[in-house]
Amino acid sequence: MAEGFKRRTPSRWGEGAALRDEILAAAARLLARSGREGDLSLRAVAREVGISAPSIYLHFKDRAELVATVTQRAYEWLVAELCEARERGSADGPRAGLRAMVQRYCRLALDNPRFYRLMFGIERIEVPREERAAHPVWLVSEVWAEAVAACREERTGRADDARVARLLWFSLHGVVAMAMSTPFETDRRALEEMADELLDVAMTR
């Protein structure tokens, strides 16, 4: 075969959604493997799935749309996990809900390093300024801001809640990124304790 790919069994009628998911999964694997959005090619994605490159255009108009969809799904997954953790923890109050989010965030990063890398570890092509407001990273930011606001008895406004939420989230990211980059097994108990300390520090701001 001229294109050098292992041909996938053709989809039957109505299986287009399954192929689309396979394309997204393949793109996610390749992005996590290379670490650079600019290195991803539709030809490589097609080869990973076992289809011809033109078949991708039946589902995505170009590479940018494919990458944007992969990114959107990753962030939506993270948001759903954080919201579920907060809902479960909030039975003991809003602070407990926020703590549950903090702990879930750390576990998700360590248990799903490729997904985490898709969101925060890929060297990306910078998006135009007018498109930044629509980036799915703000979905995660909003979840943190809402959880922080629910815990603060003396609020100084939405902007201040967002600032505290960013302090907490960015600090957590630094902790888990360091844990994931070291060449030895992570002490999860120590990491959880550090995450709790970060929460206490952030919420005193």
Protein backbone atom coordinates (compact mmCIF):
# COMPACT_ATOMS: atom_id res chain seq x y z
CA MET A 1 0.00 0.00 0.00
CA ALA A 2 1.37 3.36 -1.02
CA GLU A 3 0.51 5.15 2.21
CA GLY A 4 1.95 2.44 4.44
CA PHE A 5 -0.91 1.99 6.88
CA LYS A 6 -2.63 -1.08 8.23
CA ARG A 7 -6.07 -0.87 6.71
CA ARG A 8 -8.98 -0.74 9.13
CA THR A 9 -12.08 -2.84 8.49
CA PRO A 10 -14.54 -0.46 6.78
CA SER A 11 -17.31 0.85 8.99
CA ARG A 12 -20.81 -0.37 8.42
CA TRP A 13 -23.70 2.02 7.92
CA GLY A 14 -24.26 4.02 11.10
CA GLU A 15 -20.78 3.41 12.54
CA GLY A 16 -19.35 6.78 11.58
CA ALA A 17 -19.46 7.97 15.20
CA ALA A 18 -17.29 5.04 16.23
CA LEU A 19 -14.69 5.92 13.62
CA ARG A 20 -14.73 9.54 14.75
CA ASP A 21 -14.00 8.41 18.30
CA GLU A 22 -11.14 6.24 17.05
CA ILE A 23 -9.65 9.22 15.22
CA LEU A 24 -9.89 11.35 18.37
CA ALA A 25 -8.31 8.62 20.49
CA ALA A 26 -5.47 8.19 18.00
CA ALA A 27 -4.83 11.93 17.87
CA ALA A 28 -4.78 12.05 21.67
CA ARG A 29 -2.21 9.24 21.83
CA LEU A 30 0.03 10.87 19.26
CA LEU A 31 -0.17 14.27 20.92
CA ALA A 32 0.68 12.84 24.33
CA ARG A 33 3.53 10.86 22.79
CA SER A 34 5.15 13.72 20.90
CA GLY A 35 4.39 16.56 23.30
CA ARG A 36 4.06 19.05 20.44
CA GLU A 37 0.89 20.03 18.65
CA GLY A 38 2.94 21.14 15.65
CA ASP A 39 4.26 17.60 15.17
CA LEU A 40 0.80 16.09 14.72
CA SER A 41 -0.14 15.28 11.15
CA LEU A 42 -3.40 13.95 9.77
CA ARG A 43 -1.43 11.35 7.85
CA ALA A 44 0.05 10.03 11.12
CA VAL A 45 -3.39 9.95 12.74
CA ALA A 46 -4.80 8.06 9.78
CA ARG A 47 -1.96 5.55 9.93
CA GLU A 48 -2.58 5.05 13.67
CA VAL A 49 -6.27 4.29 13.02
CA GLY A 50 -5.68 2.25 9.86
CA ILE A 51 -7.53 4.44 7.37
CA SER A 52 -6.58 6.69 4.48
CA ALA A 53 -5.78 10.31 5.34
CA PRO A 54 -8.68 11.73 3.25
CA SER A 55 -11.12 9.73 5.41
CA ILE A 56 -10.39 12.08 8.31
CA TYR A 57 -11.86 14.98 6.36
CA LEU A 58 -15.25 13.30 6.57
CA HIS A 59 -15.17 14.05 10.31
CA PHE A 60 -12.85 17.05 10.77
CA LYS A 61 -12.21 19.89 8.35
CA ASP A 62 -8.53 20.20 9.29
CA ARG A 63 -5.90 19.45 11.91
CA ALA A 64 -6.87 22.49 13.98
CA GLU A 65 -10.44 21.25 14.38
CA LEU A 66 -9.21 17.77 15.30
CA VAL A 67 -6.85 19.11 17.98
CA ALA A 68 -9.54 21.48 19.30
CA THR A 69 -11.98 18.58 19.66
CA VAL A 70 -9.44 16.41 21.46
CA THR A 71 -8.67 19.29 23.81
CA GLN A 72 -12.35 20.07 24.42
CA ARG A 73 -13.08 16.46 25.36
CA ALA A 74 -10.14 16.30 27.75
CA TYR A 75 -11.21 19.44 29.60
CA GLU A 76 -14.85 18.38 29.71
CA TRP A 77 -13.75 15.07 31.23
CA LEU A 78 -11.77 16.91 33.91
CA VAL A 79 -14.66 19.28 34.66
CA ALA A 80 -17.10 16.37 35.03
CA GLU A 81 -14.75 14.58 37.42
CA LEU A 82 -14.20 17.68 39.57
CA CYS A 83 -17.91 18.47 39.71
CA GLU A 84 -18.73 14.91 40.72
CA ALA A 85 -16.10 15.03 43.48
CA ARG A 86 -17.42 18.34 44.79
CA GLU A 87 -21.00 17.11 44.79
CA ARG A 88 -20.09 14.01 46.78
CA GLY A 89 -17.93 15.92 49.25
CA SER A 90 -20.40 18.75 49.77
CA ALA A 91 -22.61 16.54 51.93
CA ASP A 92 -20.29 17.69 54.74
CA GLY A 93 -20.30 21.34 53.67
CA PRO A 94 -18.78 23.49 50.89
CA ARG A 95 -15.25 23.33 52.31
CA ALA A 96 -15.40 19.53 52.29
CA GLY A 97 -16.62 19.69 48.70
CA LEU A 98 -13.66 21.85 47.71
CA ARG A 99 -11.26 19.53 49.51
CA ALA A 100 -12.75 16.58 47.62
CA MET A 101 -12.08 18.46 44.37
CA VAL A 102 -8.48 19.10 45.38
CA GLN A 103 -7.86 15.46 46.19
CA ARG A 104 -9.62 14.21 43.05
CA TYR A 105 -7.53 16.61 40.92
CA CYS A 106 -4.31 15.16 42.29
CA ARG A 107 -5.45 11.57 41.81
CA LEU A 108 -6.65 12.21 38.27
CA ALA A 109 -3.32 13.71 37.29
CA LEU A 110 -1.33 10.80 38.70
CA ASP A 111 -3.69 8.08 37.46
CA ASN A 112 -4.16 9.56 33.98
CA PRO A 113 -0.83 11.16 33.04
CA ARG A 114 -1.53 11.12 29.30
CA PHE A 115 -4.85 12.90 29.68
CA TYR A 116 -3.25 15.40 32.03
CA ARG A 117 -0.47 15.98 29.57
CA LEU A 118 -3.01 16.62 26.81
CA MET A 119 -4.42 19.50 28.81
CA PHE A 120 -1.31 21.00 30.39
CA GLY A 121 1.83 19.43 28.98
CA ILE A 122 1.59 19.89 25.23
CA GLU A 123 3.63 22.54 23.44
CA ARG A 124 0.77 24.16 21.57
CA ILE A 125 0.34 26.44 18.60
CA GLU A 126 -0.81 29.75 20.09
CA VAL A 127 -4.42 30.58 19.29
CA PRO A 128 -5.42 34.05 18.05
CA ARG A 129 -6.36 36.49 20.81
CA GLU A 130 -10.00 36.60 19.70
CA GLU A 131 -10.30 32.83 20.23
CA ARG A 132 -8.82 32.70 23.73
CA ALA A 133 -12.07 33.40 25.55
CA ALA A 134 -13.62 30.27 24.02
CA HIS A 135 -10.80 27.93 25.08
CA PRO A 136 -12.08 25.07 27.28
CA VAL A 137 -9.46 25.76 29.95
CA TRP A 138 -11.85 28.43 31.24
CA LEU A 139 -14.39 25.70 32.00
CA VAL A 140 -11.99 24.32 34.58
CA SER A 141 -11.21 27.78 35.92
CA GLU A 142 -14.91 28.47 36.45
CA VAL A 143 -15.40 25.22 38.36
CA TRP A 144 -12.62 26.16 40.77
CA ALA A 145 -13.96 29.71 41.16
CA GLU A 146 -17.46 28.47 41.98
CA ALA A 147 -16.18 26.01 44.58
CA VAL A 148 -13.98 28.64 46.23
CA ALA A 149 -16.79 31.23 46.28
CA ALA A 150 -19.09 28.77 48.06
CA CYS A 151 -16.56 28.47 50.90
CA ARG A 152 -15.75 32.10 51.54
CA GLU A 153 -17.80 33.72 54.25
CA GLU A 154 -16.36 37.20 53.76
CA ARG A 155 -16.33 37.70 50.02
CA THR A 156 -14.84 40.71 48.30
CA GLY A 157 -16.41 39.91 44.95
CA ARG A 158 -16.26 37.52 42.04
CA ALA A 159 -12.89 38.81 40.84
CA ASP A 160 -11.29 38.06 44.20
CA ASP A 161 -12.84 34.58 44.32
CA ALA A 162 -11.39 33.92 40.86
CA ARG A 163 -7.97 35.12 42.02
CA VAL A 164 -7.97 32.76 45.01
CA ALA A 165 -9.19 29.91 42.81
CA ARG A 166 -6.31 30.50 40.38
CA LEU A 167 -3.83 30.56 43.26
CA LEU A 168 -5.12 27.20 44.45
CA TRP A 169 -5.36 25.59 41.02
CA PHE A 170 -1.97 26.79 39.76
CA SER A 171 -0.30 25.69 42.98
CA LEU A 172 -1.87 22.24 42.72
CA HIS A 173 -0.70 22.00 39.13
CA GLY A 174 2.85 22.77 40.21
CA VAL A 175 2.76 20.08 42.87
CA VAL A 176 1.38 17.33 40.64
CA ALA A 177 3.61 18.32 37.70
CA MET A 178 6.67 18.01 39.95
CA ALA A 179 5.45 14.68 41.27
CA MET A 180 4.92 13.38 37.74
CA SER A 181 8.32 14.53 36.51
CA THR A 182 10.49 12.92 39.18
CA PRO A 183 12.09 9.52 38.38
CA PHE A 184 10.72 7.73 41.42
CA GLU A 185 7.38 6.59 42.77
CA THR A 186 5.16 9.33 44.11
CA ASP A 187 4.35 9.31 47.80
CA ARG A 188 0.62 9.81 47.42
CA ARG A 189 -0.07 10.34 51.08
CA ALA A 190 2.53 13.11 51.23
CA LEU A 191 1.07 14.63 48.08
CA GLU A 192 -2.43 14.63 49.57
CA GLU A 193 -1.14 16.29 52.72
CA MET A 194 0.61 18.96 50.65
CA ALA A 195 -2.57 19.54 48.66
CA ASP A 196 -4.47 20.06 51.92
CA GLU A 197 -1.85 22.58 53.05
CA LEU A 198 -2.19 24.45 49.76
CA LEU A 199 -5.92 24.57 50.25
CA ASP A 200 -5.52 26.04 53.73
CA VAL A 201 -3.06 28.66 52.47
CA ALA A 202 -5.21 29.65 49.51
CA MET A 203 -8.36 29.98 51.57
CA THR A 204 -6.73 32.35 54.05
CA ARG A 205 -6.15 34.90 51.29
